[in-house]
Amino acid sequence: MSALRAEQWLQNNPGTVHTTRERIKQQLRGAFYPQQDGWKREVLSQAREVLDRTLAGLASPLD
């Protein structure tokens, strides 16, 4: 929540100095995009599954 609050604060304070803006952006990215390889592999696996299901649905005939 603190990363989201900081990002909202940043939106309301567009004149914030560059270093503070970058720190807040890094904090937000860290909250939603962890750097662990296992997490990244799982996200990729889930995305592939969604894509496969989408393609299968598009290939099936309409009833």
PDB file of N, CA and C in Angstrom:
ATOM      1  N   MET A   1       0.815  -1.193   0.000  1.00  0.00           N
ATOM      2  CA  MET A   1       0.000   0.000   0.000  1.00  0.00           C
ATOM      3  C   MET A   1       0.864   1.264   0.000  1.00  0.00           C
ATOM      4  N   SER A   2       2.003   1.189   0.671  1.00  0.00           N
ATOM      5  CA  SER A   2       2.834   2.393   0.726  1.00  0.00           C
ATOM      6  C   SER A   2       3.355   2.778  -0.654  1.00  0.00           C
ATOM      7  N   ALA A   3       3.629   1.775  -1.496  1.00  0.00           N
ATOM      8  CA  ALA A   3       4.087   2.075  -2.861  1.00  0.00           C
ATOM      9  C   ALA A   3       2.979   2.748  -3.657  1.00  0.00           C
ATOM     10  N   LEU A   4       1.748   2.293  -3.492  1.00  0.00           N
ATOM     11  CA  LEU A   4       0.625   2.909  -4.188  1.00  0.00           C
ATOM     12  C   LEU A   4       0.362   4.323  -3.688  1.00  0.00           C
ATOM     13  N   ARG A   5       0.469   4.502  -2.382  1.00  0.00           N
ATOM     14  CA  ARG A   5       0.268   5.847  -1.830  1.00  0.00           C
ATOM     15  C   ARG A   5       1.341   6.806  -2.349  1.00  0.00           C
ATOM     16  N   ALA A   6       2.577   6.322  -2.380  1.00  0.00           N
ATOM     17  CA  ALA A   6       3.671   7.169  -2.861  1.00  0.00           C
ATOM     18  C   ALA A   6       3.471   7.527  -4.329  1.00  0.00           C
ATOM     19  N   GLU A   7       3.003   6.569  -5.124  1.00  0.00           N
ATOM     20  CA  GLU A   7       2.776   6.835  -6.535  1.00  0.00           C
ATOM     21  C   GLU A   7       1.642   7.844  -6.708  1.00  0.00           C
ATOM     22  N   GLN A   8       0.604   7.730  -5.903  1.00  0.00           N
ATOM     23  CA  GLN A   8      -0.499   8.699  -5.966  1.00  0.00           C
ATOM     24  C   GLN A   8      -0.008  10.090  -5.561  1.00  0.00           C
ATOM     25  N   TRP A   9       0.820  10.148  -4.538  1.00  0.00           N
ATOM     26  CA  TRP A   9       1.388  11.420  -4.120  1.00  0.00           C
ATOM     27  C   TRP A   9       2.188  12.031  -5.269  1.00  0.00           C
ATOM     28  N   LEU A  10       2.940  11.177  -5.963  1.00  0.00           N
ATOM     29  CA  LEU A  10       3.751  11.641  -7.087  1.00  0.00           C
ATOM     30  C   LEU A  10       2.865  12.212  -8.193  1.00  0.00           C
ATOM     31  N   GLN A  11       1.740  11.574  -8.453  1.00  0.00           N
ATOM     32  CA  GLN A  11       0.807  12.082  -9.462  1.00  0.00           C
ATOM     33  C   GLN A  11       0.271  13.462  -9.088  1.00  0.00           C
ATOM     34  N   ASN A  12       0.102  13.684  -7.797  1.00  0.00           N
ATOM     35  CA  ASN A  12      -0.422  14.968  -7.326  1.00  0.00           C
ATOM     36  C   ASN A  12       0.658  16.028  -7.143  1.00  0.00           C
ATOM     37  N   ASN A  13       1.912  15.643  -7.310  1.00  0.00           N
ATOM     38  CA  ASN A  13       3.040  16.566  -7.154  1.00  0.00           C
ATOM     39  C   ASN A  13       3.979  16.434  -8.348  1.00  0.00           C
ATOM     40  N   PRO A  14       3.543  16.873  -9.520  1.00  0.00           N
ATOM     41  CA  PRO A  14       4.334  16.673 -10.737  1.00  0.00           C
ATOM     42  C   PRO A  14       5.678  17.399 -10.752  1.00  0.00           C
ATOM     43  N   GLY A  15       5.880  18.361  -9.887  1.00  0.00           N
ATOM     44  CA  GLY A  15       7.140  19.089  -9.870  1.00  0.00           C
ATOM     45  C   GLY A  15       8.207  18.467  -8.981  1.00  0.00           C
ATOM     46  N   THR A  16       7.970  17.244  -8.537  1.00  0.00           N
ATOM     47  CA  THR A  16       8.901  16.559  -7.641  1.00  0.00           C
ATOM     48  C   THR A  16      10.259  16.360  -8.314  1.00  0.00           C
ATOM     49  N   VAL A  17      11.320  16.493  -7.546  1.00  0.00           N
ATOM     50  CA  VAL A  17      12.674  16.343  -8.094  1.00  0.00           C
ATOM     51  C   VAL A  17      12.878  14.938  -8.660  1.00  0.00           C
ATOM     52  N   HIS A  18      13.754  14.854  -9.652  1.00  0.00           N
ATOM     53  CA  HIS A  18      13.985  13.616 -10.401  1.00  0.00           C
ATOM     54  C   HIS A  18      14.356  12.444  -9.489  1.00  0.00           C
ATOM     55  N   THR A  19      15.233  12.660  -8.544  1.00  0.00           N
ATOM     56  CA  THR A  19      15.675  11.540  -7.697  1.00  0.00           C
ATOM     57  C   THR A  19      14.526  10.964  -6.878  1.00  0.00           C
ATOM     58  N   THR A  20      13.649  11.801  -6.391  1.00  0.00           N
ATOM     59  CA  THR A  20      12.493  11.325  -5.624  1.00  0.00           C
ATOM     60  C   THR A  20      11.519  10.593  -6.537  1.00  0.00           C
ATOM     61  N   ARG A  21      11.305  11.140  -7.737  1.00  0.00           N
ATOM     62  CA  ARG A  21      10.422  10.476  -8.705  1.00  0.00           C
ATOM     63  C   ARG A  21      10.931   9.080  -9.020  1.00  0.00           C
ATOM     64  N   GLU A  22      12.216   8.942  -9.260  1.00  0.00           N
ATOM     65  CA  GLU A  22      12.797   7.647  -9.607  1.00  0.00           C
ATOM     66  C   GLU A  22      12.707   6.657  -8.442  1.00  0.00           C
ATOM     67  N   ARG A  23      12.932   7.142  -7.239  1.00  0.00           N
ATOM     68  CA  ARG A  23      12.841   6.274  -6.058  1.00  0.00           C
ATOM     69  C   ARG A  23      11.426   5.731  -5.906  1.00  0.00           C
ATOM     70  N   ILE A  24      10.436   6.575  -6.096  1.00  0.00           N
ATOM     71  CA  ILE A  24       9.036   6.153  -5.971  1.00  0.00           C
ATOM     72  C   ILE A  24       8.684   5.175  -7.085  1.00  0.00           C
ATOM     73  N   LYS A  25       9.131   5.436  -8.291  1.00  0.00           N
ATOM     74  CA  LYS A  25       8.857   4.525  -9.404  1.00  0.00           C
ATOM     75  C   LYS A  25       9.494   3.159  -9.169  1.00  0.00           C
ATOM     76  N   GLN A  26      10.710   3.137  -8.638  1.00  0.00           N
ATOM     77  CA  GLN A  26      11.370   1.867  -8.322  1.00  0.00           C
ATOM     78  C   GLN A  26      10.629   1.122  -7.220  1.00  0.00           C
ATOM     79  N   GLN A  27      10.138   1.851  -6.241  1.00  0.00           N
ATOM     80  CA  GLN A  27       9.380   1.243  -5.149  1.00  0.00           C
ATOM     81  C   GLN A  27       8.098   0.601  -5.706  1.00  0.00           C
ATOM     82  N   LEU A  28       7.413   1.285  -6.588  1.00  0.00           N
ATOM     83  CA  LEU A  28       6.182   0.762  -7.168  1.00  0.00           C
ATOM     84  C   LEU A  28       6.473  -0.474  -8.019  1.00  0.00           C
ATOM     85  N   ARG A  29       7.513  -0.404  -8.823  1.00  0.00           N
ATOM     86  CA  ARG A  29       7.874  -1.560  -9.650  1.00  0.00           C
ATOM     87  C   ARG A  29       8.237  -2.754  -8.774  1.00  0.00           C
ATOM     88  N   GLY A  30       8.970  -2.515  -7.713  1.00  0.00           N
ATOM     89  CA  GLY A  30       9.339  -3.596  -6.807  1.00  0.00           C
ATOM     90  C   GLY A  30       8.134  -4.244  -6.142  1.00  0.00           C
ATOM     91  N   ALA A  31       7.086  -3.460  -5.914  1.00  0.00           N
ATOM     92  CA  ALA A  31       5.883  -3.993  -5.276  1.00  0.00           C
ATOM     93  C   ALA A  31       5.096  -4.900  -6.215  1.00  0.00           C
ATOM     94  N   PHE A  32       5.135  -4.623  -7.512  1.00  0.00           N
ATOM     95  CA  PHE A  32       4.312  -5.367  -8.459  1.00  0.00           C
ATOM     96  C   PHE A  32       5.106  -6.246  -9.422  1.00  0.00           C
ATOM     97  N   TYR A  33       6.419  -6.153  -9.403  1.00  0.00           N
ATOM     98  CA  TYR A  33       7.243  -6.944 -10.309  1.00  0.00           C
ATOM     99  C   TYR A  33       8.496  -7.414  -9.571  1.00  0.00           C
ATOM    100  N   PRO A  34       8.326  -8.438  -8.729  1.00  0.00           N
ATOM    101  CA  PRO A  34       9.479  -8.953  -7.970  1.00  0.00           C
ATOM    102  C   PRO A  34      10.581  -9.465  -8.897  1.00  0.00           C
ATOM    103  N   GLN A  35      11.794  -9.439  -8.430  1.00  0.00           N
ATOM    104  CA  GLN A  35      12.939  -9.832  -9.238  1.00  0.00           C
ATOM    105  C   GLN A  35      13.305 -11.309  -9.111  1.00  0.00           C
ATOM    106  N   GLN A  36      12.536 -12.093  -8.378  1.00  0.00           N
ATOM    107  CA  GLN A  36      12.834 -13.513  -8.222  1.00  0.00           C
ATOM    108  C   GLN A  36      12.518 -14.268  -9.518  1.00  0.00           C
ATOM    109  N   ASP A  37      13.458 -15.118  -9.935  1.00  0.00           N
ATOM    110  CA  ASP A  37      13.293 -15.868 -11.176  1.00  0.00           C
ATOM    111  C   ASP A  37      12.087 -16.798 -11.127  1.00  0.00           C
ATOM    112  N   GLY A  38      11.823 -17.420  -9.978  1.00  0.00           N
ATOM    113  CA  GLY A  38      10.677 -18.319  -9.859  1.00  0.00           C
ATOM    114  C   GLY A  38       9.366 -17.597 -10.124  1.00  0.00           C
ATOM    115  N   TRP A  39       9.251 -16.388  -9.618  1.00  0.00           N
ATOM    116  CA  TRP A  39       8.045 -15.595  -9.837  1.00  0.00           C
ATOM    117  C   TRP A  39       7.893 -15.269 -11.315  1.00  0.00           C
ATOM    118  N   LYS A  40       8.982 -14.895 -11.953  1.00  0.00           N
ATOM    119  CA  LYS A  40       8.943 -14.556 -13.372  1.00  0.00           C
ATOM    120  C   LYS A  40       8.556 -15.775 -14.212  1.00  0.00           C
ATOM    121  N   ARG A  41       9.102 -16.953 -13.874  1.00  0.00           N
ATOM    122  CA  ARG A  41       8.751 -18.168 -14.607  1.00  0.00           C
ATOM    123  C   ARG A  41       7.264 -18.478 -14.468  1.00  0.00           C
ATOM    124  N   GLU A  42       6.724 -18.307 -13.268  1.00  0.00           N
ATOM    125  CA  GLU A  42       5.305 -18.585 -13.037  1.00  0.00           C
ATOM    126  C   GLU A  42       4.419 -17.622 -13.826  1.00  0.00           C
ATOM    127  N   VAL A  43       4.776 -16.357 -13.875  1.00  0.00           N
ATOM    128  CA  VAL A  43       4.010 -15.382 -14.661  1.00  0.00           C
ATOM    129  C   VAL A  43       4.043 -15.769 -16.141  1.00  0.00           C
ATOM    130  N   LEU A  44       5.196 -16.158 -16.640  1.00  0.00           N
ATOM    131  CA  LEU A  44       5.315 -16.562 -18.037  1.00  0.00           C
ATOM    132  C   LEU A  44       4.483 -17.808 -18.309  1.00  0.00           C
ATOM    133  N   SER A  45       4.518 -18.766 -17.405  1.00  0.00           N
ATOM    134  CA  SER A  45       3.736 -19.989 -17.557  1.00  0.00           C
ATOM    135  C   SER A  45       2.243 -19.679 -17.609  1.00  0.00           C
ATOM    136  N   GLN A  46       1.783 -18.813 -16.733  1.00  0.00           N
ATOM    137  CA  GLN A  46       0.361 -18.450 -16.723  1.00  0.00           C
ATOM    138  C   GLN A  46      -0.028 -17.694 -17.997  1.00  0.00           C
ATOM    139  N   ALA A  47       0.840 -16.837 -18.478  1.00  0.00           N
ATOM    140  CA  ALA A  47       0.562 -16.097 -19.712  1.00  0.00           C
ATOM    141  C   ALA A  47       0.459 -17.044 -20.895  1.00  0.00           C
ATOM    142  N   ARG A  48       1.333 -18.036 -20.938  1.00  0.00           N
ATOM    143  CA  ARG A  48       1.276 -19.022 -22.028  1.00  0.00           C
ATOM    144  C   ARG A  48      -0.014 -19.828 -21.966  1.00  0.00           C
ATOM    145  N   GLU A  49      -0.437 -20.173 -20.759  1.00  0.00           N
ATOM    146  CA  GLU A  49      -1.682 -20.916 -20.600  1.00  0.00           C
ATOM    147  C   GLU A  49      -2.870 -20.090 -21.098  1.00  0.00           C
ATOM    148  N   VAL A  50      -2.909 -18.818 -20.757  1.00  0.00           N
ATOM    149  CA  VAL A  50      -3.990 -17.939 -21.223  1.00  0.00           C
ATOM    150  C   VAL A  50      -3.957 -17.841 -22.746  1.00  0.00           C
ATOM    151  N   LEU A  51      -2.778 -17.689 -23.317  1.00  0.00           N
ATOM    152  CA  LEU A  51      -2.650 -17.605 -24.770  1.00  0.00           C
ATOM    153  C   LEU A  51      -3.122 -18.894 -25.433  1.00  0.00           C
ATOM    154  N   ASP A  52      -2.716 -20.043 -24.904  1.00  0.00           N
ATOM    155  CA  ASP A  52      -3.139 -21.333 -25.465  1.00  0.00           C
ATOM    156  C   ASP A  52      -4.657 -21.478 -25.419  1.00  0.00           C
ATOM    157  N   ARG A  53      -5.256 -21.104 -24.302  1.00  0.00           N
ATOM    158  CA  ARG A  53      -6.721 -21.195 -24.174  1.00  0.00           C
ATOM    159  C   ARG A  53      -7.425 -20.221 -25.124  1.00  0.00           C
ATOM    160  N   THR A  54      -6.849 -19.067 -25.293  1.00  0.00           N
ATOM    161  CA  THR A  54      -7.420 -18.075 -26.214  1.00  0.00           C
ATOM    162  C   THR A  54      -7.389 -18.588 -27.638  1.00  0.00           C
ATOM    163  N   LEU A  55      -6.243 -19.115 -28.035  1.00  0.00           N
ATOM    164  CA  LEU A  55      -6.117 -19.649 -29.395  1.00  0.00           C
ATOM    165  C   LEU A  55      -7.047 -20.831 -29.614  1.00  0.00           C
ATOM    166  N   ALA A  56      -7.189 -21.700 -28.627  1.00  0.00           N
ATOM    167  CA  ALA A  56      -8.107 -22.831 -28.728  1.00  0.00           C
ATOM    168  C   ALA A  56      -9.545 -22.338 -28.868  1.00  0.00           C
ATOM    169  N   GLY A  57      -9.904 -21.325 -28.108  1.00  0.00           N
ATOM    170  CA  GLY A  57     -11.247 -20.770 -28.218  1.00  0.00           C
ATOM    171  C   GLY A  57     -11.511 -20.145 -29.573  1.00  0.00           C
ATOM    172  N   LEU A  58     -10.537 -19.472 -30.107  1.00  0.00           N
ATOM    173  CA  LEU A  58     -10.698 -18.856 -31.428  1.00  0.00           C
ATOM    174  C   LEU A  58     -10.773 -19.898 -32.537  1.00  0.00           C
ATOM    175  N   ALA A  59     -10.122 -21.045 -32.336  1.00  0.00           N
ATOM    176  CA  ALA A  59     -10.111 -22.101 -33.347  1.00  0.00           C
ATOM    177  C   ALA A  59     -11.370 -22.963 -33.312  1.00  0.00           C
ATOM    178  N   SER A  60     -12.106 -22.917 -32.221  1.00  0.00           N
ATOM    179  CA  SER A  60     -13.303 -23.765 -32.125  1.00  0.00           C
ATOM    180  C   SER A  60     -14.451 -23.142 -32.912  1.00  0.00           C
ATOM    181  N   PRO A  61     -15.278 -24.026 -33.507  1.00  0.00           N
ATOM    182  CA  PRO A  61     -16.404 -23.499 -34.295  1.00  0.00           C
ATOM    183  C   PRO A  61     -17.469 -22.852 -33.415  1.00  0.00           C
ATOM    184  N   LEU A  62     -18.152 -21.885 -33.970  1.00  0.00           N
ATOM    185  CA  LEU A  62     -19.255 -21.246 -33.256  1.00  0.00           C
ATOM    186  C   LEU A  62     -20.462 -22.150 -33.306  1.00  0.00           C
ATOM    187  N   ASP A  63     -21.199 -22.211 -32.221  1.00  0.00           N
ATOM    188  CA  ASP A  63     -22.409 -23.041 -32.203  1.00  0.00           C
ATOM    189  C   ASP A  63     -23.633 -22.238 -32.497  1.00  0.00           C
TER     190      ASP A  63
END
